[in-house]
């Protein structure tokens, strides 16, 4: 009564494809999946850097340090702030091709996190490595 028994799925078969599990799988993620996702989220929120990349916590801490320091004279970043070239006007028509290349490069090598830092820091100078 109410006991559901299913044959084991063949190796390499997706569990969601077996009839016994199909109805359960369509109801959403399991408790284990939700718990694993929650643990991963907690881990991500507690780390400053993951695989050499900064996290939102690192940006938050840097913004706090900037606020406590009273200002930044020189900001060195490897990425452009996102949207930095969006306000570049067509002031020099003779340099349109160079400007187009610079906008494309800035679009590919830009970061919203760096933009957030630049706004928080309000540096006198901002040097970008890429």
Foldseek 3Di string as FASTA:
>chain_A
DPDDDDDDDPPPDDPCPDPVCVVVVVVDDDPVVVVVVVVVVVVLCVDQDDPNHGGPNVLVVLLVVLVVVVAAAEAEEQAAAPPPLVPPDCPDVVCVVVSVVVVVVNNVRHDPSVNSNCVSHVYNYYHYND
